[in-house]
Amino acid sequence: ALQTLYLADNRLIGPLPPGLGQLTQLADLWLGGDNRLTGGIPPEWGQLAALQYLVLYANDTTDGLSGPIPEELASLDGLMAFDVFGQDLSGPIPAW
């Protein structure tokens, strides 16, 4: 099963895919850096029970990531790093 998905600095464009929430063995998800991702963090990502690193920093776009941090992420008990530096997220941080 896929455990690491490192797509940082690849100039990806568009919204974050909700379908990644089906990768239940995923421990490391790196989508930061020189990408142009937009929209919100999908609530479906709260199903990533094995996730330890969620890195979405510094997407290089004027839109960037926005919206609230989904409350569903509070179920990620093993999350050790949540990096959203430089994004326009709003609302409370889930109680991990």
PDB file of N, CA and C in Angstrom:
ATOM      1  N   ALA A   1       0.839  -1.185   0.000  1.00  0.00           N
ATOM      2  CA  ALA A   1       0.000   0.000   0.000  1.00  0.00           C
ATOM      3  C   ALA A   1       0.882   1.247   0.000  1.00  0.00           C
ATOM      4  N   LEU A   2       0.415   2.268  -0.652  1.00  0.00           N
ATOM      5  CA  LEU A   2       1.149   3.528  -0.739  1.00  0.00           C
ATOM      6  C   LEU A   2       1.255   4.167   0.644  1.00  0.00           C
ATOM      7  N   GLN A   3       2.496   4.493   1.055  1.00  0.00           N
ATOM      8  CA  GLN A   3       2.707   5.093   2.359  1.00  0.00           C
ATOM      9  C   GLN A   3       3.233   6.514   2.273  1.00  0.00           C
ATOM     10  N   THR A   4       3.921   6.858   1.175  1.00  0.00           N
ATOM     11  CA  THR A   4       4.468   8.200   0.998  1.00  0.00           C
ATOM     12  C   THR A   4       4.084   8.727  -0.377  1.00  0.00           C
ATOM     13  N   LEU A   5       3.545   9.931  -0.402  1.00  0.00           N
ATOM     14  CA  LEU A   5       3.241  10.610  -1.660  1.00  0.00           C
ATOM     15  C   LEU A   5       3.903  11.973  -1.591  1.00  0.00           C
ATOM     16  N   TYR A   6       5.009  12.104  -2.322  1.00  0.00           N
ATOM     17  CA  TYR A   6       5.802  13.335  -2.306  1.00  0.00           C
ATOM     18  C   TYR A   6       5.673  13.997  -3.674  1.00  0.00           C
ATOM     19  N   LEU A   7       4.843  15.024  -3.738  1.00  0.00           N
ATOM     20  CA  LEU A   7       4.617  15.753  -4.985  1.00  0.00           C
ATOM     21  C   LEU A   7       4.910  17.239  -4.808  1.00  0.00           C
ATOM     22  N   ALA A   8       5.770  17.570  -3.871  1.00  0.00           N
ATOM     23  CA  ALA A   8       6.158  18.962  -3.653  1.00  0.00           C
ATOM     24  C   ALA A   8       6.962  19.460  -4.851  1.00  0.00           C
ATOM     25  N   ASP A   9       6.843  20.753  -5.125  1.00  0.00           N
ATOM     26  CA  ASP A   9       7.647  21.416  -6.166  1.00  0.00           C
ATOM     27  C   ASP A   9       7.459  20.819  -7.556  1.00  0.00           C
ATOM     28  N   ASN A  10       6.234  20.468  -7.907  1.00  0.00           N
ATOM     29  CA  ASN A  10       5.953  19.888  -9.224  1.00  0.00           C
ATOM     30  C   ASN A  10       5.057  20.751 -10.104  1.00  0.00           C
ATOM     31  N   ARG A  11       4.743  21.947  -9.640  1.00  0.00           N
ATOM     32  CA  ARG A  11       3.880  22.865 -10.381  1.00  0.00           C
ATOM     33  C   ARG A  11       2.503  22.267 -10.696  1.00  0.00           C
ATOM     34  N   LEU A  12       1.984  21.518  -9.740  1.00  0.00           N
ATOM     35  CA  LEU A  12       0.631  20.986  -9.871  1.00  0.00           C
ATOM     36  C   LEU A  12      -0.353  22.139  -9.799  1.00  0.00           C
ATOM     37  N   ILE A  13      -1.458  22.023 -10.523  1.00  0.00           N
ATOM     38  CA  ILE A  13      -2.451  23.081 -10.598  1.00  0.00           C
ATOM     39  C   ILE A  13      -3.824  22.515 -10.255  1.00  0.00           C
ATOM     40  N   GLY A  14      -4.605  23.279  -9.480  1.00  0.00           N
ATOM     41  CA  GLY A  14      -5.988  22.909  -9.221  1.00  0.00           C
ATOM     42  C   GLY A  14      -6.259  22.560  -7.776  1.00  0.00           C
ATOM     43  N   PRO A  15      -7.466  22.039  -7.532  1.00  0.00           N
ATOM     44  CA  PRO A  15      -7.875  21.737  -6.157  1.00  0.00           C
ATOM     45  C   PRO A  15      -7.226  20.459  -5.639  1.00  0.00           C
ATOM     46  N   LEU A  16      -7.192  20.340  -4.318  1.00  0.00           N
ATOM     47  CA  LEU A  16      -6.709  19.118  -3.685  1.00  0.00           C
ATOM     48  C   LEU A  16      -7.738  18.008  -3.913  1.00  0.00           C
ATOM     49  N   PRO A  17      -7.313  16.832  -4.354  1.00  0.00           N
ATOM     50  CA  PRO A  17      -8.275  15.766  -4.668  1.00  0.00           C
ATOM     51  C   PRO A  17      -8.825  15.071  -3.418  1.00  0.00           C
ATOM     52  N   PRO A  18     -10.151  15.059  -3.255  1.00  0.00           N
ATOM     53  CA  PRO A  18     -10.759  14.367  -2.115  1.00  0.00           C
ATOM     54  C   PRO A  18     -10.433  12.873  -2.113  1.00  0.00           C
ATOM     55  N   GLY A  19     -10.238  12.287  -3.293  1.00  0.00           N
ATOM     56  CA  GLY A  19      -9.977  10.853  -3.404  1.00  0.00           C
ATOM     57  C   GLY A  19      -8.739  10.376  -2.677  1.00  0.00           C
ATOM     58  N   LEU A  20      -7.822  11.285  -2.365  1.00  0.00           N
ATOM     59  CA  LEU A  20      -6.643  10.872  -1.599  1.00  0.00           C
ATOM     60  C   LEU A  20      -7.040  10.333  -0.227  1.00  0.00           C
ATOM     61  N   GLY A  21      -8.220  10.683   0.236  1.00  0.00           N
ATOM     62  CA  GLY A  21      -8.707  10.194   1.521  1.00  0.00           C
ATOM     63  C   GLY A  21      -8.896   8.687   1.549  1.00  0.00           C
ATOM     64  N   GLN A  22      -8.888   8.048   0.386  1.00  0.00           N
ATOM     65  CA  GLN A  22      -9.043   6.599   0.304  1.00  0.00           C
ATOM     66  C   GLN A  22      -7.724   5.860   0.500  1.00  0.00           C
ATOM     67  N   LEU A  23      -6.613   6.591   0.546  1.00  0.00           N
ATOM     68  CA  LEU A  23      -5.298   5.979   0.720  1.00  0.00           C
ATOM     69  C   LEU A  23      -5.028   5.806   2.216  1.00  0.00           C
ATOM     70  N   THR A  24      -5.717   4.874   2.834  1.00  0.00           N
ATOM     71  CA  THR A  24      -5.733   4.756   4.285  1.00  0.00           C
ATOM     72  C   THR A  24      -4.390   4.363   4.898  1.00  0.00           C
ATOM     73  N   GLN A  25      -3.440   3.879   4.114  1.00  0.00           N
ATOM     74  CA  GLN A  25      -2.116   3.532   4.630  1.00  0.00           C
ATOM     75  C   GLN A  25      -1.118   4.680   4.483  1.00  0.00           C
ATOM     76  N   LEU A  26      -1.562   5.787   3.877  1.00  0.00           N
ATOM     77  CA  LEU A  26      -0.683   6.916   3.614  1.00  0.00           C
ATOM     78  C   LEU A  26      -0.198   7.544   4.921  1.00  0.00           C
ATOM     79  N   ALA A  27       1.129   7.630   5.066  1.00  0.00           N
ATOM     80  CA  ALA A  27       1.717   8.218   6.277  1.00  0.00           C
ATOM     81  C   ALA A  27       2.281   9.607   6.012  1.00  0.00           C
ATOM     82  N   ASP A  28       2.767   9.842   4.794  1.00  0.00           N
ATOM     83  CA  ASP A  28       3.403  11.118   4.451  1.00  0.00           C
ATOM     84  C   ASP A  28       2.778  11.668   3.174  1.00  0.00           C
ATOM     85  N   LEU A  29       2.234  12.881   3.257  1.00  0.00           N
ATOM     86  CA  LEU A  29       1.642  13.552   2.101  1.00  0.00           C
ATOM     87  C   LEU A  29       2.262  14.934   1.980  1.00  0.00           C
ATOM     88  N   TRP A  30       3.083  15.107   0.949  1.00  0.00           N
ATOM     89  CA  TRP A  30       3.828  16.354   0.723  1.00  0.00           C
ATOM     90  C   TRP A  30       3.357  16.975  -0.586  1.00  0.00           C
ATOM     91  N   LEU A  31       2.662  18.105  -0.495  1.00  0.00           N
ATOM     92  CA  LEU A  31       2.155  18.803  -1.679  1.00  0.00           C
ATOM     93  C   LEU A  31       2.528  20.278  -1.664  1.00  0.00           C
ATOM     94  N   GLY A  32       3.503  20.648  -0.880  1.00  0.00           N
ATOM     95  CA  GLY A  32       3.871  22.050  -0.736  1.00  0.00           C
ATOM     96  C   GLY A  32       4.857  22.518  -1.786  1.00  0.00           C
ATOM     97  N   GLY A  33       5.329  23.714  -1.582  1.00  0.00           N
ATOM     98  CA  GLY A  33       6.358  24.274  -2.453  1.00  0.00           C
ATOM     99  C   GLY A  33       5.810  24.832  -3.743  1.00  0.00           C
ATOM    100  N   ASP A  34       6.515  24.583  -4.801  1.00  0.00           N
ATOM    101  CA  ASP A  34       6.203  25.185  -6.101  1.00  0.00           C
ATOM    102  C   ASP A  34       5.061  24.451  -6.800  1.00  0.00           C
ATOM    103  N   ASN A  35       3.898  24.437  -6.167  1.00  0.00           N
ATOM    104  CA  ASN A  35       2.659  23.960  -6.764  1.00  0.00           C
ATOM    105  C   ASN A  35       1.689  25.133  -6.792  1.00  0.00           C
ATOM    106  N   ARG A  36       0.624  24.987  -7.512  1.00  0.00           N
ATOM    107  CA  ARG A  36      -0.391  26.036  -7.611  1.00  0.00           C
ATOM    108  C   ARG A  36      -1.759  25.456  -7.244  1.00  0.00           C
ATOM    109  N   LEU A  37      -1.821  24.932  -6.035  1.00  0.00           N
ATOM    110  CA  LEU A  37      -3.037  24.282  -5.564  1.00  0.00           C
ATOM    111  C   LEU A  37      -3.990  25.318  -4.983  1.00  0.00           C
ATOM    112  N   THR A  38      -5.280  25.092  -5.170  1.00  0.00           N
ATOM    113  CA  THR A  38      -6.293  26.058  -4.754  1.00  0.00           C
ATOM    114  C   THR A  38      -7.424  25.345  -4.013  1.00  0.00           C
ATOM    115  N   GLY A  39      -8.291  26.138  -3.413  1.00  0.00           N
ATOM    116  CA  GLY A  39      -9.462  25.597  -2.735  1.00  0.00           C
ATOM    117  C   GLY A  39      -9.154  25.184  -1.316  1.00  0.00           C
ATOM    118  N   GLY A  40     -10.015  24.332  -0.796  1.00  0.00           N
ATOM    119  CA  GLY A  40      -9.886  23.916   0.595  1.00  0.00           C
ATOM    120  C   GLY A  40      -9.287  22.537   0.758  1.00  0.00           C
ATOM    121  N   ILE A  41      -8.982  22.217   2.000  1.00  0.00           N
ATOM    122  CA  ILE A  41      -8.524  20.868   2.339  1.00  0.00           C
ATOM    123  C   ILE A  41      -9.765  19.985   2.388  1.00  0.00           C
ATOM    124  N   PRO A  42      -9.788  18.901   1.616  1.00  0.00           N
ATOM    125  CA  PRO A  42     -10.985  18.049   1.596  1.00  0.00           C
ATOM    126  C   PRO A  42     -11.243  17.386   2.954  1.00  0.00           C
ATOM    127  N   PRO A  43     -12.483  17.413   3.436  1.00  0.00           N
ATOM    128  CA  PRO A  43     -12.816  16.741   4.691  1.00  0.00           C
ATOM    129  C   PRO A  43     -12.544  15.241   4.628  1.00  0.00           C
ATOM    130  N   GLU A  44     -12.568  14.670   3.433  1.00  0.00           N
ATOM    131  CA  GLU A  44     -12.307  13.245   3.246  1.00  0.00           C
ATOM    132  C   GLU A  44     -10.915  12.849   3.722  1.00  0.00           C
ATOM    133  N   TRP A  45     -10.010  13.817   3.797  1.00  0.00           N
ATOM    134  CA  TRP A  45      -8.655  13.523   4.265  1.00  0.00           C
ATOM    135  C   TRP A  45      -8.635  13.149   5.741  1.00  0.00           C
ATOM    136  N   GLY A  46      -9.727  13.354   6.436  1.00  0.00           N
ATOM    137  CA  GLY A  46      -9.845  12.911   7.820  1.00  0.00           C
ATOM    138  C   GLY A  46      -9.858  11.395   7.934  1.00  0.00           C
ATOM    139  N   GLN A  47      -9.988  10.686   6.812  1.00  0.00           N
ATOM    140  CA  GLN A  47      -9.968   9.221   6.789  1.00  0.00           C
ATOM    141  C   GLN A  47      -8.547   8.663   6.688  1.00  0.00           C
ATOM    142  N   LEU A  48      -7.554   9.532   6.581  1.00  0.00           N
ATOM    143  CA  LEU A  48      -6.160   9.099   6.437  1.00  0.00           C
ATOM    144  C   LEU A  48      -5.599   8.733   7.814  1.00  0.00           C
ATOM    145  N   ALA A  49      -6.077   7.634   8.358  1.00  0.00           N
ATOM    146  CA  ALA A  49      -5.794   7.249   9.741  1.00  0.00           C
ATOM    147  C   ALA A  49      -4.310   7.073  10.042  1.00  0.00           C
ATOM    148  N   ALA A  50      -3.492   6.732   9.056  1.00  0.00           N
ATOM    149  CA  ALA A  50      -2.059   6.503   9.283  1.00  0.00           C
ATOM    150  C   ALA A  50      -1.222   7.764   9.051  1.00  0.00           C
ATOM    151  N   LEU A  51      -1.852   8.877   8.677  1.00  0.00           N
ATOM    152  CA  LEU A  51      -1.116  10.078   8.293  1.00  0.00           C
ATOM    153  C   LEU A  51      -0.305  10.652   9.452  1.00  0.00           C
ATOM    154  N   GLN A  52       0.978  10.906   9.177  1.00  0.00           N
ATOM    155  CA  GLN A  52       1.861  11.506  10.163  1.00  0.00           C
ATOM    156  C   GLN A  52       2.326  12.895   9.735  1.00  0.00           C
ATOM    157  N   TYR A  53       2.500  13.099   8.435  1.00  0.00           N
ATOM    158  CA  TYR A  53       2.980  14.379   7.904  1.00  0.00           C
ATOM    159  C   TYR A  53       2.039  14.860   6.808  1.00  0.00           C
ATOM    160  N   LEU A  54       1.468  16.029   6.997  1.00  0.00           N
ATOM    161  CA  LEU A  54       0.642  16.682   5.990  1.00  0.00           C
ATOM    162  C   LEU A  54       1.282  18.032   5.703  1.00  0.00           C
ATOM    163  N   VAL A  55       1.911  18.148   4.540  1.00  0.00           N
ATOM    164  CA  VAL A  55       2.713  19.325   4.206  1.00  0.00           C
ATOM    165  C   VAL A  55       2.108  19.998   2.978  1.00  0.00           C
ATOM    166  N   LEU A  56       1.569  21.199   3.181  1.00  0.00           N
ATOM    167  CA  LEU A  56       0.886  21.955   2.118  1.00  0.00           C
ATOM    168  C   LEU A  56       1.405  23.384   2.033  1.00  0.00           C
ATOM    169  N   TYR A  57       2.608  23.637   2.523  1.00  0.00           N
ATOM    170  CA  TYR A  57       3.149  24.987   2.647  1.00  0.00           C
ATOM    171  C   TYR A  57       3.367  25.671   1.301  1.00  0.00           C
ATOM    172  N   ALA A  58       3.327  26.996   1.320  1.00  0.00           N
ATOM    173  CA  ALA A  58       3.826  27.887   0.276  1.00  0.00           C
ATOM    174  C   ALA A  58       3.426  27.546  -1.141  1.00  0.00           C
ATOM    175  N   ASN A  59       2.186  27.183  -1.372  1.00  0.00           N
ATOM    176  CA  ASN A  59       1.747  27.008  -2.754  1.00  0.00           C
ATOM    177  C   ASN A  59       1.845  28.351  -3.453  1.00  0.00           C
ATOM    178  N   ASP A  60       2.494  28.356  -4.577  1.00  0.00           N
ATOM    179  CA  ASP A  60       2.872  29.577  -5.284  1.00  0.00           C
ATOM    180  C   ASP A  60       1.733  30.068  -6.181  1.00  0.00           C
ATOM    181  N   THR A  61       0.739  30.673  -5.563  1.00  0.00           N
ATOM    182  CA  THR A  61      -0.385  31.213  -6.313  1.00  0.00           C
ATOM    183  C   THR A  61      -1.022  32.337  -5.503  1.00  0.00           C
ATOM    184  N   THR A  62      -1.665  33.242  -6.179  1.00  0.00           N
ATOM    185  CA  THR A  62      -2.348  34.311  -5.449  1.00  0.00           C
ATOM    186  C   THR A  62      -3.597  33.775  -4.767  1.00  0.00           C
ATOM    187  N   ASP A  63      -4.188  32.714  -5.306  1.00  0.00           N
ATOM    188  CA  ASP A  63      -5.369  32.114  -4.681  1.00  0.00           C
ATOM    189  C   ASP A  63      -4.966  31.239  -3.507  1.00  0.00           C
ATOM    190  N   GLY A  64      -4.061  30.310  -3.737  1.00  0.00           N
ATOM    191  CA  GLY A  64      -3.595  29.403  -2.695  1.00  0.00           C
ATOM    192  C   GLY A  64      -4.709  28.580  -2.092  1.00  0.00           C
ATOM    193  N   LEU A  65      -4.400  27.913  -1.023  1.00  0.00           N
ATOM    194  CA  LEU A  65      -5.404  27.136  -0.313  1.00  0.00           C
ATOM    195  C   LEU A  65      -6.178  28.077   0.591  1.00  0.00           C
ATOM    196  N   SER A  66      -7.471  27.848   0.701  1.00  0.00           N
ATOM    197  CA  SER A  66      -8.316  28.742   1.479  1.00  0.00           C
ATOM    198  C   SER A  66      -9.431  27.951   2.148  1.00  0.00           C
ATOM    199  N   GLY A  67     -10.183  28.650   2.976  1.00  0.00           N
ATOM    200  CA  GLY A  67     -11.311  28.028   3.655  1.00  0.00           C
ATOM    201  C   GLY A  67     -10.917  27.501   5.010  1.00  0.00           C
ATOM    202  N   PRO A  68     -11.859  26.862   5.676  1.00  0.00           N
ATOM    203  CA  PRO A  68     -11.590  26.359   7.023  1.00  0.00           C
ATOM    204  C   PRO A  68     -10.751  25.080   6.993  1.00  0.00           C
ATOM    205  N   ILE A  69     -10.083  24.821   8.103  1.00  0.00           N
ATOM    206  CA  ILE A  69      -9.412  23.538   8.289  1.00  0.00           C
ATOM    207  C   ILE A  69     -10.504  22.558   8.710  1.00  0.00           C
ATOM    208  N   PRO A  70     -10.727  21.496   7.940  1.00  0.00           N
ATOM    209  CA  PRO A  70     -11.840  20.596   8.262  1.00  0.00           C
ATOM    210  C   PRO A  70     -11.723  19.973   9.645  1.00  0.00           C
ATOM    211  N   GLU A  71     -12.814  19.969  10.373  1.00  0.00           N
ATOM    212  CA  GLU A  71     -12.867  19.364  11.701  1.00  0.00           C
ATOM    213  C   GLU A  71     -12.534  17.872  11.635  1.00  0.00           C
ATOM    214  N   GLU A  72     -12.779  17.247  10.487  1.00  0.00           N
ATOM    215  CA  GLU A  72     -12.502  15.820  10.311  1.00  0.00           C
ATOM    216  C   GLU A  72     -11.027  15.492  10.527  1.00  0.00           C
ATOM    217  N   LEU A  73     -10.149  16.488  10.338  1.00  0.00           N
ATOM    218  CA  LEU A  73      -8.720  16.246  10.551  1.00  0.00           C
ATOM    219  C   LEU A  73      -8.399  15.978  12.021  1.00  0.00           C
ATOM    220  N   ALA A  74      -9.304  16.305  12.928  1.00  0.00           N
ATOM    221  CA  ALA A  74      -9.079  16.054  14.354  1.00  0.00           C
ATOM    222  C   ALA A  74      -8.964  14.564  14.649  1.00  0.00           C
ATOM    223  N   SER A  75      -9.451  13.716  13.736  1.00  0.00           N
ATOM    224  CA  SER A  75      -9.367  12.264  13.956  1.00  0.00           C
ATOM    225  C   SER A  75      -7.995  11.701  13.592  1.00  0.00           C
ATOM    226  N   LEU A  76      -7.092  12.530  13.096  1.00  0.00           N
ATOM    227  CA  LEU A  76      -5.762  12.070  12.710  1.00  0.00           C
ATOM    228  C   LEU A  76      -4.852  12.047  13.942  1.00  0.00           C
ATOM    229  N   ASP A  77      -5.016  11.045  14.757  1.00  0.00           N
ATOM    230  CA  ASP A  77      -4.312  10.950  16.034  1.00  0.00           C
ATOM    231  C   ASP A  77      -2.799  10.859  15.898  1.00  0.00           C
ATOM    232  N   GLY A  78      -2.300  10.303  14.814  1.00  0.00           N
ATOM    233  CA  GLY A  78      -0.866  10.132  14.637  1.00  0.00           C
ATOM    234  C   GLY A  78      -0.188  11.284  13.928  1.00  0.00           C
ATOM    235  N   LEU A  79      -0.926  12.344  13.609  1.00  0.00           N
ATOM    236  CA  LEU A  79      -0.356  13.464  12.864  1.00  0.00           C
ATOM    237  C   LEU A  79       0.708  14.170  13.702  1.00  0.00           C
ATOM    238  N   MET A  80       1.923  14.232  13.149  1.00  0.00           N
ATOM    239  CA  MET A  80       3.040  14.867  13.856  1.00  0.00           C
ATOM    240  C   MET A  80       3.404  16.218  13.254  1.00  0.00           C
ATOM    241  N   ALA A  81       3.098  16.430  11.957  1.00  0.00           N
ATOM    242  CA  ALA A  81       3.420  17.698  11.308  1.00  0.00           C
ATOM    243  C   ALA A  81       2.274  18.096  10.386  1.00  0.00           C
ATOM    244  N   PHE A  82       1.837  19.335  10.547  1.00  0.00           N
ATOM    245  CA  PHE A  82       0.771  19.914   9.723  1.00  0.00           C
ATOM    246  C   PHE A  82       1.277  21.274   9.287  1.00  0.00           C
ATOM    247  N   ASP A  83       1.830  21.358   8.076  1.00  0.00           N
ATOM    248  CA  ASP A  83       2.502  22.562   7.609  1.00  0.00           C
ATOM    249  C   ASP A  83       1.671  23.226   6.514  1.00  0.00           C
ATOM    250  N   VAL A  84       1.053  24.354   6.852  1.00  0.00           N
ATOM    251  CA  VAL A  84       0.242  25.107   5.903  1.00  0.00           C
ATOM    252  C   VAL A  84       0.739  26.546   5.801  1.00  0.00           C
ATOM    253  N   PHE A  85       2.020  26.741   6.057  1.00  0.00           N
ATOM    254  CA  PHE A  85       2.628  28.071   6.002  1.00  0.00           C
ATOM    255  C   PHE A  85       2.306  28.760   4.676  1.00  0.00           C
ATOM    256  N   GLY A  86       1.911  30.016   4.742  1.00  0.00           N
ATOM    257  CA  GLY A  86       1.681  30.814   3.550  1.00  0.00           C
ATOM    258  C   GLY A  86       0.327  30.602   2.889  1.00  0.00           C
ATOM    259  N   GLN A  87      -0.585  29.888   3.551  1.00  0.00           N
ATOM    260  CA  GLN A  87      -1.903  29.655   2.972  1.00  0.00           C
ATOM    261  C   GLN A  87      -2.928  30.556   3.645  1.00  0.00           C
ATOM    262  N   ASP A  88      -4.096  30.677   3.024  1.00  0.00           N
ATOM    263  CA  ASP A  88      -5.131  31.559   3.515  1.00  0.00           C
ATOM    264  C   ASP A  88      -6.263  30.753   4.160  1.00  0.00           C
ATOM    265  N   LEU A  89      -5.892  29.872   5.094  1.00  0.00           N
ATOM    266  CA  LEU A  89      -6.884  29.047   5.779  1.00  0.00           C
ATOM    267  C   LEU A  89      -7.498  29.861   6.921  1.00  0.00           C
ATOM    268  N   SER A  90      -8.716  29.485   7.288  1.00  0.00           N
ATOM    269  CA  SER A  90      -9.427  30.247   8.309  1.00  0.00           C
ATOM    270  C   SER A  90     -10.063  29.319   9.325  1.00  0.00           C
ATOM    271  N   GLY A  91     -10.566  29.924  10.387  1.00  0.00           N
ATOM    272  CA  GLY A  91     -11.285  29.174  11.396  1.00  0.00           C
ATOM    273  C   GLY A  91     -10.379  28.523  12.415  1.00  0.00           C
ATOM    274  N   PRO A  92     -11.000  27.734  13.309  1.00  0.00           N
ATOM    275  CA  PRO A  92     -10.223  27.106  14.384  1.00  0.00           C
ATOM    276  C   PRO A  92      -9.361  25.948  13.870  1.00  0.00           C
ATOM    277  N   ILE A  93      -8.300  25.688  14.614  1.00  0.00           N
ATOM    278  CA  ILE A  93      -7.466  24.511  14.351  1.00  0.00           C
ATOM    279  C   ILE A  93      -8.096  23.360  15.113  1.00  0.00           C
ATOM    280  N   PRO A  94      -8.335  22.217  14.440  1.00  0.00           N
ATOM    281  CA  PRO A  94      -8.940  21.095  15.145  1.00  0.00           C
ATOM    282  C   PRO A  94      -8.115  20.680  16.360  1.00  0.00           C
ATOM    283  N   ALA A  95      -8.789  20.200  17.385  1.00  0.00           N
ATOM    284  CA  ALA A  95      -8.117  19.764  18.607  1.00  0.00           C
ATOM    285  C   ALA A  95      -7.559  18.361  18.390  1.00  0.00           C
ATOM    286  N   TRP A  96      -6.249  18.294  18.122  1.00  0.00           N
ATOM    287  CA  TRP A  96      -5.618  16.994  17.900  1.00  0.00           C
ATOM    288  C   TRP A  96      -5.368  16.337  19.207  1.00  0.00           C
TER     289      TRP A  96
END
